[in-house]
Amino acid sequence: MNNSLKKQRGMTGTNIVLMLIGICSVVIMVLRIVPVYMNHGKVVSALEGIKNSTDIQTANKDEIMKRLNDRFGMNQVDRKDIAPENIELTKEGDYVKLQITYQSEAPIISNMSVLMKFDDFIEVGGTPQ
């Protein structure tokens, strides 16, 4: 009897199936969530581009919003979650604050989804008055 126990090695069929289900679940989640974070990276890159503009402090609000929209176009930002009311622009003298607050939902399987919230801003110039 001791000899037969030494010959039994490896995983059972049930364990293999459970392991494959777990691996597939993780892969599906990663494939659904990664594009949302890649799009968020493009939004952050657009904000940094605006921040690094040389004449951002002298531009008016309309010019700044046009530049932001141009950068969104260049970076191919998916704007389905970023409505105009999610963008807040404060300009007082040479102080500029541009804040984008939005949330994105990524469907996983059937009625399950993941909600991700983002809040990014840049500040340029002196202090607000």
N, C-alpha and C. Protein backbone atom coordinates (compact mmCIF):
# COMPACT_ATOMS: atom_id res chain seq x y z
N MET A 1 0.82 -1.18 0.00
CA MET A 1 0.00 0.00 0.00
C MET A 1 0.87 1.26 0.00
N ASN A 2 1.94 1.26 0.70
CA ASN A 2 2.84 2.39 0.75
C ASN A 2 3.43 2.67 -0.62
N ASN A 3 3.64 1.63 -1.40
CA ASN A 3 4.21 1.76 -2.73
C ASN A 3 3.25 2.48 -3.68
N SER A 4 1.93 2.25 -3.58
CA SER A 4 0.97 2.88 -4.48
C SER A 4 0.81 4.38 -4.18
N LEU A 5 1.02 4.81 -2.95
CA LEU A 5 0.92 6.22 -2.62
C LEU A 5 2.07 7.03 -3.22
N LYS A 6 3.21 6.42 -3.36
CA LYS A 6 4.35 7.12 -3.95
C LYS A 6 4.14 7.38 -5.44
N LYS A 7 3.34 6.60 -6.11
CA LYS A 7 3.13 6.74 -7.55
C LYS A 7 2.11 7.85 -7.87
N GLN A 8 1.30 8.23 -6.91
CA GLN A 8 0.28 9.24 -7.16
C GLN A 8 0.91 10.63 -7.05
N ARG A 9 0.93 11.33 -8.15
CA ARG A 9 1.51 12.67 -8.18
C ARG A 9 0.69 13.55 -9.12
N GLY A 10 0.82 14.87 -8.94
CA GLY A 10 0.17 15.81 -9.84
C GLY A 10 -1.19 16.26 -9.35
N MET A 11 -1.84 17.02 -10.18
CA MET A 11 -3.13 17.60 -9.82
C MET A 11 -4.26 16.76 -10.40
N THR A 12 -5.39 16.84 -9.73
CA THR A 12 -6.57 16.15 -10.24
C THR A 12 -7.20 17.01 -11.34
N GLY A 13 -8.10 16.43 -12.08
CA GLY A 13 -8.79 17.17 -13.14
C GLY A 13 -9.57 18.35 -12.60
N THR A 14 -10.20 18.19 -11.44
CA THR A 14 -10.96 19.27 -10.82
C THR A 14 -10.06 20.43 -10.46
N ASN A 15 -8.90 20.14 -9.90
CA ASN A 15 -7.96 21.21 -9.55
C ASN A 15 -7.47 21.97 -10.77
N ILE A 16 -7.24 21.25 -11.86
CA ILE A 16 -6.79 21.90 -13.09
C ILE A 16 -7.87 22.83 -13.62
N VAL A 17 -9.13 22.37 -13.61
CA VAL A 17 -10.24 23.20 -14.09
C VAL A 17 -10.38 24.44 -13.21
N LEU A 18 -10.32 24.30 -11.89
CA LEU A 18 -10.44 25.45 -10.99
C LEU A 18 -9.29 26.44 -11.21
N MET A 19 -8.10 25.92 -11.41
CA MET A 19 -6.96 26.79 -11.65
C MET A 19 -7.14 27.55 -12.98
N LEU A 20 -7.62 26.90 -14.02
CA LEU A 20 -7.85 27.56 -15.30
C LEU A 20 -8.94 28.63 -15.20
N ILE A 21 -9.99 28.36 -14.42
CA ILE A 21 -11.04 29.36 -14.21
C ILE A 21 -10.47 30.59 -13.52
N GLY A 22 -9.64 30.38 -12.51
CA GLY A 22 -9.01 31.51 -11.81
C GLY A 22 -8.11 32.32 -12.73
N ILE A 23 -7.30 31.66 -13.52
CA ILE A 23 -6.39 32.35 -14.44
C ILE A 23 -7.19 33.13 -15.48
N CYS A 24 -8.23 32.51 -16.03
CA CYS A 24 -9.06 33.20 -17.04
C CYS A 24 -9.76 34.42 -16.44
N SER A 25 -10.20 34.32 -15.20
CA SER A 25 -10.86 35.46 -14.55
C SER A 25 -9.90 36.63 -14.42
N VAL A 26 -8.70 36.36 -14.00
CA VAL A 26 -7.70 37.42 -13.86
C VAL A 26 -7.37 38.04 -15.22
N VAL A 27 -7.22 37.21 -16.24
CA VAL A 27 -6.89 37.71 -17.58
C VAL A 27 -8.02 38.59 -18.11
N ILE A 28 -9.27 38.17 -17.91
CA ILE A 28 -10.42 38.96 -18.37
C ILE A 28 -10.45 40.32 -17.67
N MET A 29 -10.22 40.32 -16.36
CA MET A 29 -10.23 41.59 -15.63
C MET A 29 -9.12 42.51 -16.12
N VAL A 30 -7.95 41.98 -16.32
CA VAL A 30 -6.83 42.80 -16.79
C VAL A 30 -7.14 43.37 -18.17
N LEU A 31 -7.70 42.55 -19.06
CA LEU A 31 -8.00 43.03 -20.41
C LEU A 31 -9.09 44.10 -20.42
N ARG A 32 -9.95 44.12 -19.43
CA ARG A 32 -11.01 45.13 -19.35
C ARG A 32 -10.55 46.41 -18.65
N ILE A 33 -9.65 46.29 -17.69
CA ILE A 33 -9.26 47.44 -16.87
C ILE A 33 -8.08 48.21 -17.48
N VAL A 34 -7.15 47.54 -18.10
CA VAL A 34 -5.95 48.19 -18.64
C VAL A 34 -6.28 49.30 -19.64
N PRO A 35 -7.23 49.12 -20.57
CA PRO A 35 -7.52 50.24 -21.50
C PRO A 35 -8.02 51.50 -20.80
N VAL A 36 -8.74 51.35 -19.70
CA VAL A 36 -9.22 52.52 -18.96
C VAL A 36 -8.04 53.28 -18.37
N TYR A 37 -7.08 52.56 -17.81
CA TYR A 37 -5.90 53.22 -17.24
C TYR A 37 -4.99 53.80 -18.32
N MET A 38 -4.96 53.17 -19.48
CA MET A 38 -4.18 53.74 -20.58
C MET A 38 -4.80 55.06 -21.04
N ASN A 39 -6.13 55.11 -21.11
CA ASN A 39 -6.81 56.36 -21.46
C ASN A 39 -6.56 57.42 -20.39
N HIS A 40 -6.56 57.03 -19.13
CA HIS A 40 -6.27 57.97 -18.05
C HIS A 40 -4.85 58.53 -18.19
N GLY A 41 -3.93 57.70 -18.59
CA GLY A 41 -2.56 58.16 -18.82
C GLY A 41 -2.50 59.22 -19.91
N LYS A 42 -3.35 59.08 -20.93
CA LYS A 42 -3.41 60.07 -22.00
C LYS A 42 -3.97 61.40 -21.48
N VAL A 43 -4.95 61.32 -20.58
CA VAL A 43 -5.52 62.54 -19.98
C VAL A 43 -4.45 63.26 -19.17
N VAL A 44 -3.71 62.50 -18.36
CA VAL A 44 -2.64 63.09 -17.54
C VAL A 44 -1.57 63.70 -18.44
N SER A 45 -1.25 63.03 -19.53
CA SER A 45 -0.25 63.55 -20.47
C SER A 45 -0.73 64.86 -21.09
N ALA A 46 -2.01 64.95 -21.42
CA ALA A 46 -2.56 66.20 -21.97
C ALA A 46 -2.48 67.32 -20.95
N LEU A 47 -2.78 67.01 -19.69
CA LEU A 47 -2.68 68.03 -18.64
C LEU A 47 -1.24 68.50 -18.46
N GLU A 48 -0.30 67.58 -18.48
CA GLU A 48 1.11 67.95 -18.34
C GLU A 48 1.57 68.80 -19.52
N GLY A 49 1.06 68.49 -20.71
CA GLY A 49 1.39 69.29 -21.88
C GLY A 49 0.90 70.72 -21.74
N ILE A 50 -0.31 70.87 -21.19
CA ILE A 50 -0.85 72.21 -20.94
C ILE A 50 0.01 72.93 -19.90
N LYS A 51 0.39 72.21 -18.86
CA LYS A 51 1.19 72.80 -17.78
C LYS A 51 2.55 73.28 -18.30
N ASN A 52 3.12 72.55 -19.22
CA ASN A 52 4.44 72.89 -19.74
C ASN A 52 4.41 73.93 -20.86
N SER A 53 3.22 74.39 -21.24
CA SER A 53 3.12 75.45 -22.25
C SER A 53 3.77 76.72 -21.71
N THR A 54 4.45 77.43 -22.57
CA THR A 54 5.19 78.60 -22.10
C THR A 54 4.28 79.79 -21.80
N ASP A 55 3.17 79.91 -22.51
CA ASP A 55 2.32 81.09 -22.34
C ASP A 55 0.97 80.75 -21.73
N ILE A 56 0.91 79.73 -20.93
CA ILE A 56 -0.37 79.31 -20.34
C ILE A 56 -0.92 80.37 -19.39
N GLN A 57 -0.06 81.10 -18.71
CA GLN A 57 -0.51 82.09 -17.74
C GLN A 57 -1.13 83.32 -18.40
N THR A 58 -0.76 83.59 -19.64
CA THR A 58 -1.31 84.76 -20.33
C THR A 58 -2.51 84.41 -21.19
N ALA A 59 -2.76 83.15 -21.42
CA ALA A 59 -3.89 82.73 -22.26
C ALA A 59 -5.20 82.89 -21.50
N ASN A 60 -6.27 83.16 -22.23
CA ASN A 60 -7.58 83.25 -21.57
C ASN A 60 -8.21 81.86 -21.47
N LYS A 61 -9.36 81.79 -20.82
CA LYS A 61 -10.00 80.49 -20.56
C LYS A 61 -10.34 79.75 -21.85
N ASP A 62 -10.86 80.47 -22.83
CA ASP A 62 -11.23 79.82 -24.09
C ASP A 62 -10.01 79.22 -24.79
N GLU A 63 -8.90 79.94 -24.79
CA GLU A 63 -7.68 79.43 -25.41
C GLU A 63 -7.18 78.18 -24.69
N ILE A 64 -7.24 78.19 -23.37
CA ILE A 64 -6.78 77.04 -22.59
C ILE A 64 -7.66 75.82 -22.88
N MET A 65 -8.97 76.01 -22.93
CA MET A 65 -9.87 74.89 -23.22
C MET A 65 -9.64 74.37 -24.65
N LYS A 66 -9.37 75.28 -25.59
CA LYS A 66 -9.09 74.85 -26.96
C LYS A 66 -7.80 74.03 -27.00
N ARG A 67 -6.79 74.47 -26.27
CA ARG A 67 -5.54 73.72 -26.22
C ARG A 67 -5.74 72.34 -25.59
N LEU A 68 -6.56 72.28 -24.55
CA LEU A 68 -6.84 70.99 -23.92
C LEU A 68 -7.55 70.06 -24.90
N ASN A 69 -8.54 70.58 -25.60
CA ASN A 69 -9.24 69.76 -26.60
C ASN A 69 -8.31 69.32 -27.72
N ASP A 70 -7.40 70.20 -28.14
CA ASP A 70 -6.43 69.83 -29.17
C ASP A 70 -5.51 68.71 -28.67
N ARG A 71 -5.08 68.82 -27.43
CA ARG A 71 -4.22 67.77 -26.86
C ARG A 71 -4.98 66.45 -26.71
N PHE A 72 -6.25 66.53 -26.33
CA PHE A 72 -7.06 65.32 -26.28
C PHE A 72 -7.13 64.66 -27.66
N GLY A 73 -7.26 65.49 -28.70
CA GLY A 73 -7.30 64.96 -30.05
C GLY A 73 -5.97 64.35 -30.47
N MET A 74 -4.88 65.02 -30.15
CA MET A 74 -3.55 64.49 -30.50
C MET A 74 -3.26 63.18 -29.78
N ASN A 75 -3.65 63.11 -28.50
CA ASN A 75 -3.40 61.91 -27.70
C ASN A 75 -4.44 60.82 -27.92
N GLN A 76 -5.45 61.11 -28.72
CA GLN A 76 -6.55 60.18 -28.99
C GLN A 76 -7.23 59.73 -27.70
N VAL A 77 -7.59 60.70 -26.88
CA VAL A 77 -8.28 60.43 -25.62
C VAL A 77 -9.71 60.02 -25.91
N ASP A 78 -10.15 58.94 -25.32
CA ASP A 78 -11.55 58.52 -25.41
C ASP A 78 -12.34 59.40 -24.45
N ARG A 79 -13.18 60.28 -24.99
CA ARG A 79 -13.85 61.28 -24.17
C ARG A 79 -15.25 60.88 -23.73
N LYS A 80 -15.60 59.61 -23.85
CA LYS A 80 -16.98 59.22 -23.53
C LYS A 80 -17.32 59.46 -22.06
N ASP A 81 -16.34 59.43 -21.18
CA ASP A 81 -16.58 59.64 -19.75
C ASP A 81 -16.26 61.06 -19.30
N ILE A 82 -15.63 61.85 -20.16
CA ILE A 82 -15.20 63.19 -19.78
C ILE A 82 -16.15 64.21 -20.42
N ALA A 83 -17.16 64.59 -19.69
CA ALA A 83 -18.11 65.59 -20.16
C ALA A 83 -17.55 66.98 -19.85
N PRO A 84 -18.03 68.00 -20.56
CA PRO A 84 -17.54 69.37 -20.29
C PRO A 84 -17.72 69.79 -18.83
N GLU A 85 -18.76 69.30 -18.18
CA GLU A 85 -18.95 69.67 -16.77
C GLU A 85 -17.96 68.97 -15.83
N ASN A 86 -17.19 68.01 -16.35
CA ASN A 86 -16.15 67.35 -15.56
C ASN A 86 -14.84 68.12 -15.56
N ILE A 87 -14.77 69.17 -16.36
CA ILE A 87 -13.55 69.96 -16.48
C ILE A 87 -13.78 71.31 -15.81
N GLU A 88 -12.95 71.61 -14.82
CA GLU A 88 -13.06 72.88 -14.09
C GLU A 88 -11.80 73.70 -14.31
N LEU A 89 -11.98 74.91 -14.81
CA LEU A 89 -10.85 75.79 -15.08
C LEU A 89 -10.99 77.05 -14.23
N THR A 90 -9.96 77.31 -13.43
CA THR A 90 -9.92 78.51 -12.59
C THR A 90 -8.75 79.36 -13.05
N LYS A 91 -9.03 80.62 -13.37
CA LYS A 91 -7.97 81.53 -13.80
C LYS A 91 -8.16 82.85 -13.08
N GLU A 92 -7.16 83.21 -12.28
CA GLU A 92 -7.16 84.48 -11.54
C GLU A 92 -5.79 85.11 -11.72
N GLY A 93 -5.71 86.13 -12.51
CA GLY A 93 -4.42 86.76 -12.79
C GLY A 93 -3.52 85.80 -13.54
N ASP A 94 -2.33 85.53 -12.97
CA ASP A 94 -1.44 84.57 -13.63
C ASP A 94 -1.57 83.16 -13.04
N TYR A 95 -2.52 82.96 -12.15
CA TYR A 95 -2.77 81.65 -11.55
C TYR A 95 -3.77 80.88 -12.42
N VAL A 96 -3.43 79.64 -12.76
CA VAL A 96 -4.31 78.79 -13.55
C VAL A 96 -4.40 77.43 -12.87
N LYS A 97 -5.62 76.97 -12.65
CA LYS A 97 -5.85 75.61 -12.15
C LYS A 97 -6.82 74.93 -13.09
N LEU A 98 -6.40 73.79 -13.61
CA LEU A 98 -7.22 72.99 -14.52
C LEU A 98 -7.43 71.64 -13.88
N GLN A 99 -8.68 71.30 -13.58
CA GLN A 99 -8.99 70.06 -12.87
C GLN A 99 -9.98 69.24 -13.69
N ILE A 100 -9.69 67.95 -13.84
CA ILE A 100 -10.58 67.03 -14.54
C ILE A 100 -10.95 65.92 -13.57
N THR A 101 -12.24 65.81 -13.28
CA THR A 101 -12.75 64.79 -12.38
C THR A 101 -13.78 63.96 -13.16
N TYR A 102 -13.52 62.69 -13.28
CA TYR A 102 -14.45 61.83 -14.01
C TYR A 102 -14.37 60.41 -13.48
N GLN A 103 -15.35 59.61 -13.88
CA GLN A 103 -15.33 58.20 -13.52
C GLN A 103 -15.60 57.38 -14.77
N SER A 104 -15.03 56.20 -14.78
CA SER A 104 -15.16 55.32 -15.93
C SER A 104 -15.57 53.94 -15.44
N GLU A 105 -16.48 53.34 -16.15
CA GLU A 105 -16.98 52.03 -15.79
C GLU A 105 -16.54 51.02 -16.84
N ALA A 106 -15.95 49.93 -16.39
CA ALA A 106 -15.49 48.87 -17.29
C ALA A 106 -16.31 47.61 -17.02
N PRO A 107 -17.09 47.17 -18.00
CA PRO A 107 -17.86 45.94 -17.80
C PRO A 107 -16.92 44.73 -17.75
N ILE A 108 -17.19 43.83 -16.82
CA ILE A 108 -16.37 42.63 -16.69
C ILE A 108 -17.10 41.44 -17.34
N ILE A 109 -18.13 40.95 -16.68
CA ILE A 109 -18.93 39.84 -17.22
C ILE A 109 -20.38 40.10 -16.85
N SER A 110 -21.26 39.97 -17.81
CA SER A 110 -22.70 40.10 -17.60
C SER A 110 -23.04 41.40 -16.88
N ASN A 111 -23.55 41.34 -15.66
CA ASN A 111 -23.93 42.56 -14.95
C ASN A 111 -22.86 43.02 -13.96
N MET A 112 -21.68 42.45 -14.02
CA MET A 112 -20.57 42.87 -13.14
C MET A 112 -19.70 43.89 -13.88
N SER A 113 -19.36 44.94 -13.19
CA SER A 113 -18.48 45.95 -13.77
C SER A 113 -17.63 46.57 -12.67
N VAL A 114 -16.59 47.27 -13.10
CA VAL A 114 -15.68 47.94 -12.18
C VAL A 114 -15.79 49.44 -12.43
N LEU A 115 -15.94 50.21 -11.37
CA LEU A 115 -16.03 51.66 -11.47
C LEU A 115 -14.73 52.27 -10.97
N MET A 116 -14.11 53.09 -11.82
CA MET A 116 -12.85 53.74 -11.47
C MET A 116 -13.06 55.24 -11.49
N LYS A 117 -12.62 55.92 -10.44
CA LYS A 117 -12.77 57.37 -10.34
C LYS A 117 -11.40 58.02 -10.45
N PHE A 118 -11.35 59.11 -11.22
CA PHE A 118 -10.10 59.82 -11.43
C PHE A 118 -10.30 61.30 -11.12
N ASP A 119 -9.30 61.89 -10.52
CA ASP A 119 -9.32 63.32 -10.18
C ASP A 119 -7.90 63.85 -10.36
N ASP A 120 -7.68 64.56 -11.46
CA ASP A 120 -6.35 65.07 -11.77
C ASP A 120 -6.43 66.58 -11.98
N PHE A 121 -5.36 67.26 -11.60
CA PHE A 121 -5.32 68.71 -11.78
C PHE A 121 -3.89 69.17 -11.97
N ILE A 122 -3.79 70.37 -12.55
CA ILE A 122 -2.51 71.06 -12.65
C ILE A 122 -2.72 72.46 -12.11
N GLU A 123 -1.66 73.04 -11.56
CA GLU A 123 -1.66 74.42 -11.09
C GLU A 123 -0.43 75.10 -11.64
N VAL A 124 -0.64 76.28 -12.19
CA VAL A 124 0.46 77.04 -12.78
C VAL A 124 0.34 78.47 -12.26
N GLY A 125 1.45 79.08 -12.00
CA GLY A 125 1.47 80.49 -11.60
C GLY A 125 1.47 80.66 -10.10
N GLY A 126 1.16 81.89 -9.70
CA GLY A 126 1.15 82.24 -8.29
C GLY A 126 -0.03 81.64 -7.55
N THR A 127 -0.31 82.19 -6.41
CA THR A 127 -1.42 81.71 -5.61
C THR A 127 -2.70 82.42 -6.00
N PRO A 128 -3.85 81.76 -5.82
CA PRO A 128 -5.11 82.44 -6.16
C PRO A 128 -5.38 83.59 -5.21
N GLN A 129 -6.13 84.55 -5.67
CA GLN A 129 -6.37 85.76 -4.86
C GLN A 129 -7.60 85.62 -4.01
